[in-house]
PDB file of N, CA and C in Angstrom:
ATOM      1  N   UNK A   1      10.046  -7.507 -38.330  1.00  0.00           N
ATOM      2  CA  UNK A   1       9.333  -6.356 -37.555  1.00  0.00           C
ATOM      3  C   UNK A   1       8.225  -6.952 -36.660  1.00  0.00           C
ATOM      4  N   UNK A   2       7.492  -7.897 -37.105  1.00  0.00           N
ATOM      5  CA  UNK A   2       6.390  -8.445 -36.327  1.00  0.00           C
ATOM      6  C   UNK A   2       6.827  -8.942 -35.091  1.00  0.00           C
ATOM      7  N   UNK A   3       7.939  -9.789 -35.194  1.00  0.00           N
ATOM      8  CA  UNK A   3       8.475 -10.482 -33.980  1.00  0.00           C
ATOM      9  C   UNK A   3       9.038  -9.451 -32.914  1.00  0.00           C
ATOM     10  N   UNK A   4       9.620  -8.276 -33.290  1.00  0.00           N
ATOM     11  CA  UNK A   4      10.096  -7.339 -32.302  1.00  0.00           C
ATOM     12  C   UNK A   4       8.918  -6.557 -31.625  1.00  0.00           C
ATOM     13  N   UNK A   5       7.862  -6.397 -32.524  1.00  0.00           N
ATOM     14  CA  UNK A   5       6.720  -5.742 -31.887  1.00  0.00           C
ATOM     15  C   UNK A   5       6.077  -6.720 -30.949  1.00  0.00           C
ATOM     16  N   UNK A   6       5.819  -8.045 -31.173  1.00  0.00           N
ATOM     17  CA  UNK A   6       5.579  -9.163 -30.216  1.00  0.00           C
ATOM     18  C   UNK A   6       6.332  -9.036 -28.972  1.00  0.00           C
ATOM     19  N   UNK A   7       7.517  -9.113 -29.000  1.00  0.00           N
ATOM     20  CA  UNK A   7       8.400  -8.883 -27.983  1.00  0.00           C
ATOM     21  C   UNK A   7       8.147  -7.687 -26.935  1.00  0.00           C
ATOM     22  N   UNK A   8       7.979  -6.509 -27.730  1.00  0.00           N
ATOM     23  CA  UNK A   8       7.940  -5.274 -27.040  1.00  0.00           C
ATOM     24  C   UNK A   8       6.556  -5.359 -26.239  1.00  0.00           C
ATOM     25  N   UNK A   9       5.416  -5.941 -27.056  1.00  0.00           N
ATOM     26  CA  UNK A   9       4.093  -6.053 -26.234  1.00  0.00           C
ATOM     27  C   UNK A   9       4.268  -6.914 -25.067  1.00  0.00           C
ATOM     28  N   UNK A  10       4.980  -8.117 -25.138  1.00  0.00           N
ATOM     29  CA  UNK A  10       5.107  -8.906 -24.110  1.00  0.00           C
ATOM     30  C   UNK A  10       5.746  -8.330 -23.064  1.00  0.00           C
ATOM     31  N   UNK A  11       6.795  -7.556 -23.273  1.00  0.00           N
ATOM     32  CA  UNK A  11       7.706  -6.777 -22.070  1.00  0.00           C
ATOM     33  C   UNK A  11       6.687  -5.711 -21.537  1.00  0.00           C
ATOM     34  N   UNK A  12       6.020  -5.003 -22.502  1.00  0.00           N
ATOM     35  CA  UNK A  12       5.098  -3.997 -21.822  1.00  0.00           C
ATOM     36  C   UNK A  12       3.979  -4.559 -20.968  1.00  0.00           C
ATOM     37  N   UNK A  13       3.460  -5.744 -21.280  1.00  0.00           N
ATOM     38  CA  UNK A  13       2.402  -6.191 -20.539  1.00  0.00           C
ATOM     39  C   UNK A  13       3.099  -6.772 -19.085  1.00  0.00           C
ATOM     40  N   UNK A  14       4.157  -7.331 -19.051  1.00  0.00           N
ATOM     41  CA  UNK A  14       4.878  -7.838 -18.036  1.00  0.00           C
ATOM     42  C   UNK A  14       5.291  -6.658 -17.123  1.00  0.00           C
ATOM     43  N   UNK A  15       5.846  -5.552 -17.601  1.00  0.00           N
ATOM     44  CA  UNK A  15       6.138  -4.336 -16.868  1.00  0.00           C
ATOM     45  C   UNK A  15       4.945  -3.908 -16.263  1.00  0.00           C
ATOM     46  N   UNK A  16       3.906  -3.737 -17.027  1.00  0.00           N
ATOM     47  CA  UNK A  16       2.637  -3.170 -16.416  1.00  0.00           C
ATOM     48  C   UNK A  16       2.176  -3.878 -15.247  1.00  0.00           C
ATOM     49  N   UNK A  17       2.276  -5.332 -15.325  1.00  0.00           N
ATOM     50  CA  UNK A  17       1.705  -6.205 -14.242  1.00  0.00           C
ATOM     51  C   UNK A  17       2.404  -6.107 -12.929  1.00  0.00           C
ATOM     52  N   UNK A  18       3.800  -5.887 -13.252  1.00  0.00           N
ATOM     53  CA  UNK A  18       4.696  -5.693 -12.096  1.00  0.00           C
ATOM     54  C   UNK A  18       4.587  -4.041 -11.448  1.00  0.00           C
ATOM     55  N   UNK A  19       4.313  -3.452 -12.298  1.00  0.00           N
ATOM     56  CA  UNK A  19       3.948  -1.848 -11.895  1.00  0.00           C
ATOM     57  C   UNK A  19       2.632  -1.911 -11.082  1.00  0.00           C
ATOM     58  N   UNK A  20       1.707  -2.752 -11.425  1.00  0.00           N
ATOM     59  CA  UNK A  20       0.198  -2.695 -10.891  1.00  0.00           C
ATOM     60  C   UNK A  20       0.618  -3.504  -9.485  1.00  0.00           C
ATOM     61  N   UNK A  21       1.356  -4.619  -9.633  1.00  0.00           N
ATOM     62  CA  UNK A  21       1.396  -5.436  -8.137  1.00  0.00           C
ATOM     63  C   UNK A  21       2.355  -4.426  -7.146  1.00  0.00           C
ATOM     64  N   UNK A  22       3.306  -3.717  -7.672  1.00  0.00           N
ATOM     65  CA  UNK A  22       4.214  -2.801  -6.752  1.00  0.00           C
ATOM     66  C   UNK A  22       3.290  -1.895  -6.248  1.00  0.00           C
ATOM     67  N   UNK A  23       2.558  -1.059  -7.230  1.00  0.00           N
ATOM     68  CA  UNK A  23       1.705  -0.015  -6.862  1.00  0.00           C
ATOM     69  C   UNK A  23       0.666  -0.496  -5.684  1.00  0.00           C
ATOM     70  N   UNK A  24      -0.019  -1.767  -5.847  1.00  0.00           N
ATOM     71  CA  UNK A  24      -0.823  -2.245  -4.883  1.00  0.00           C
ATOM     72  C   UNK A  24      -0.061  -2.340  -3.481  1.00  0.00           C
ATOM     73  N   UNK A  25       1.091  -3.079  -3.622  1.00  0.00           N
ATOM     74  CA  UNK A  25       1.639  -3.200  -2.287  1.00  0.00           C
ATOM     75  C   UNK A  25       1.905  -1.926  -1.589  1.00  0.00           C
ATOM     76  N   UNK A  26       2.435  -0.875  -2.271  1.00  0.00           N
ATOM     77  CA  UNK A  26       2.944   0.597  -1.833  1.00  0.00           C
ATOM     78  C   UNK A  26       1.661   1.248  -1.424  1.00  0.00           C
ATOM     79  N   UNK A  27       0.305   0.871  -2.037  1.00  0.00           N
ATOM     80  CA  UNK A  27      -0.819   1.647  -1.630  1.00  0.00           C
ATOM     81  C   UNK A  27      -1.366   0.881  -0.201  1.00  0.00           C
ATOM     82  N   UNK A  28      -1.313  -0.437  -0.170  1.00  0.00           N
ATOM     83  CA  UNK A  28      -1.659  -1.264   0.956  1.00  0.00           C
ATOM     84  C   UNK A  28      -0.627  -0.801   2.217  1.00  0.00           C
ATOM     85  N   UNK A  29       0.523  -0.702   1.836  1.00  0.00           N
ATOM     86  CA  UNK A  29       1.605  -0.427   2.901  1.00  0.00           C
ATOM     87  C   UNK A  29       1.188   1.150   3.463  1.00  0.00           C
ATOM     88  N   UNK A  30       1.041   2.012   2.616  1.00  0.00           N
ATOM     89  CA  UNK A  30       0.638   3.408   2.938  1.00  0.00           C
ATOM     90  C   UNK A  30      -0.650   3.385   3.759  1.00  0.00           C
ATOM     91  N   UNK A  31      -1.698   2.577   3.203  1.00  0.00           N
ATOM     92  CA  UNK A  31      -2.866   2.531   3.929  1.00  0.00           C
ATOM     93  C   UNK A  31      -2.523   2.188   5.549  1.00  0.00           C
ATOM     94  N   UNK A  32      -1.874   1.148   5.491  1.00  0.00           N
ATOM     95  CA  UNK A  32      -1.506   0.512   6.904  1.00  0.00           C
ATOM     96  C   UNK A  32      -0.834   1.636   7.723  1.00  0.00           C
ATOM     97  N   UNK A  33       0.260   2.193   7.284  1.00  0.00           N
ATOM     98  CA  UNK A  33       0.929   3.155   7.932  1.00  0.00           C
ATOM     99  C   UNK A  33       0.074   4.151   8.439  1.00  0.00           C
ATOM    100  N   UNK A  34      -0.722   4.877   7.588  1.00  0.00           N
ATOM    101  CA  UNK A  34      -1.616   6.045   7.802  1.00  0.00           C
ATOM    102  C   UNK A  34      -2.478   5.554   8.890  1.00  0.00           C
ATOM    103  N   UNK A  35      -3.183   4.383   8.796  1.00  0.00           N
ATOM    104  CA  UNK A  35      -4.014   3.809   9.658  1.00  0.00           C
ATOM    105  C   UNK A  35      -3.463   3.745  11.188  1.00  0.00           C
ATOM    106  N   UNK A  36      -2.105   3.260  11.370  1.00  0.00           N
ATOM    107  CA  UNK A  36      -1.448   3.217  12.561  1.00  0.00           C
ATOM    108  C   UNK A  36      -1.402   4.482  13.026  1.00  0.00           C
ATOM    109  N   UNK A  37      -0.738   5.570  12.144  1.00  0.00           N
ATOM    110  CA  UNK A  37      -0.603   6.923  12.706  1.00  0.00           C
ATOM    111  C   UNK A  37      -1.903   7.565  13.111  1.00  0.00           C
ATOM    112  N   UNK A  38      -2.853   7.218  12.463  1.00  0.00           N
ATOM    113  CA  UNK A  38      -4.236   7.809  12.928  1.00  0.00           C
ATOM    114  C   UNK A  38      -4.959   7.157  14.227  1.00  0.00           C
ATOM    115  N   UNK A  39      -4.794   5.737  14.328  1.00  0.00           N
ATOM    116  CA  UNK A  39      -5.418   4.774  15.130  1.00  0.00           C
ATOM    117  C   UNK A  39      -4.507   4.997  16.486  1.00  0.00           C
ATOM    118  N   UNK A  40      -3.185   4.941  16.485  1.00  0.00           N
ATOM    119  CA  UNK A  40      -2.324   4.690  17.610  1.00  0.00           C
ATOM    120  C   UNK A  40      -2.576   6.029  18.583  1.00  0.00           C
ATOM    121  N   UNK A  41      -2.504   7.208  18.100  1.00  0.00           N
ATOM    122  CA  UNK A  41      -2.996   8.266  19.260  1.00  0.00           C
ATOM    123  C   UNK A  41      -4.163   8.187  19.844  1.00  0.00           C
ATOM    124  N   UNK A  42      -5.298   7.723  19.002  1.00  0.00           N
ATOM    125  CA  UNK A  42      -6.700   7.553  19.428  1.00  0.00           C
ATOM    126  C   UNK A  42      -6.722   6.493  20.520  1.00  0.00           C
ATOM    127  N   UNK A  43      -5.894   5.449  20.322  1.00  0.00           N
ATOM    128  CA  UNK A  43      -6.002   4.299  21.301  1.00  0.00           C
ATOM    129  C   UNK A  43      -5.163   4.677  22.618  1.00  0.00           C
ATOM    130  N   UNK A  44      -4.211   5.605  22.411  1.00  0.00           N
ATOM    131  CA  UNK A  44      -3.327   6.139  23.507  1.00  0.00           C
ATOM    132  C   UNK A  44      -4.281   6.951  24.411  1.00  0.00           C
ATOM    133  N   UNK A  45      -4.905   8.026  23.752  1.00  0.00           N
ATOM    134  CA  UNK A  45      -5.851   8.731  24.365  1.00  0.00           C
ATOM    135  C   UNK A  45      -6.877   8.111  25.178  1.00  0.00           C
ATOM    136  N   UNK A  46      -7.583   7.108  24.378  1.00  0.00           N
ATOM    137  CA  UNK A  46      -8.371   6.147  25.090  1.00  0.00           C
ATOM    138  C   UNK A  46      -7.890   5.563  26.122  1.00  0.00           C
ATOM    139  N   UNK A  47      -6.735   5.060  26.251  1.00  0.00           N
ATOM    140  CA  UNK A  47      -6.118   4.274  27.282  1.00  0.00           C
ATOM    141  C   UNK A  47      -5.898   5.290  28.400  1.00  0.00           C
ATOM    142  N   UNK A  48      -5.379   6.400  28.135  1.00  0.00           N
ATOM    143  CA  UNK A  48      -5.285   7.384  29.139  1.00  0.00           C
ATOM    144  C   UNK A  48      -6.564   7.920  29.985  1.00  0.00           C
ATOM    145  N   UNK A  49      -7.701   7.989  29.162  1.00  0.00           N
ATOM    146  CA  UNK A  49      -8.915   8.511  29.515  1.00  0.00           C
ATOM    147  C   UNK A  49      -9.264   7.325  30.396  1.00  0.00           C
ATOM    148  N   UNK A  50      -9.281   5.969  29.974  1.00  0.00           N
ATOM    149  CA  UNK A  50      -9.707   5.148  30.904  1.00  0.00           C
ATOM    150  C   UNK A  50      -8.977   5.071  32.117  1.00  0.00           C
ATOM    151  N   UNK A  51      -7.591   4.960  32.049  1.00  0.00           N
ATOM    152  CA  UNK A  51      -6.770   5.062  33.307  1.00  0.00           C
ATOM    153  C   UNK A  51      -7.003   6.135  34.196  1.00  0.00           C
ATOM    154  N   UNK A  52      -7.395   7.251  33.664  1.00  0.00           N
ATOM    155  CA  UNK A  52      -7.729   8.355  34.726  1.00  0.00           C
ATOM    156  C   UNK A  52      -9.097   8.297  35.244  1.00  0.00           C
ATOM    157  N   UNK A  53     -10.141   7.570  34.846  1.00  0.00           N
ATOM    158  CA  UNK A  53     -11.367   7.173  35.330  1.00  0.00           C
ATOM    159  C   UNK A  53     -11.206   6.269  36.560  1.00  0.00           C
ATOM    160  N   UNK A  54     -10.284   5.433  36.566  1.00  0.00           N
ATOM    161  CA  UNK A  54     -10.136   4.624  37.779  1.00  0.00           C
ATOM    162  C   UNK A  54      -9.459   5.530  39.006  1.00  0.00           C
TER     163      UNK A  54
END
C-alpha cells in the first residue's frame, strides 16, 4: 500500500511540474501574441503618421 502511494505521489508531482511548465509556456506565448496584436497597429499608425508628415 505504501509503495503505491509513493508512486502516485511521484506521478502527481511530475504531472504538476509538467503542467506548470506548459502553463508558463502558454502564458508567455499568449502574452507575446497579444503584445504583437496590440503593438503592431500602433507601429503601423505611427509609421503612417510619420510618412504623411514628410
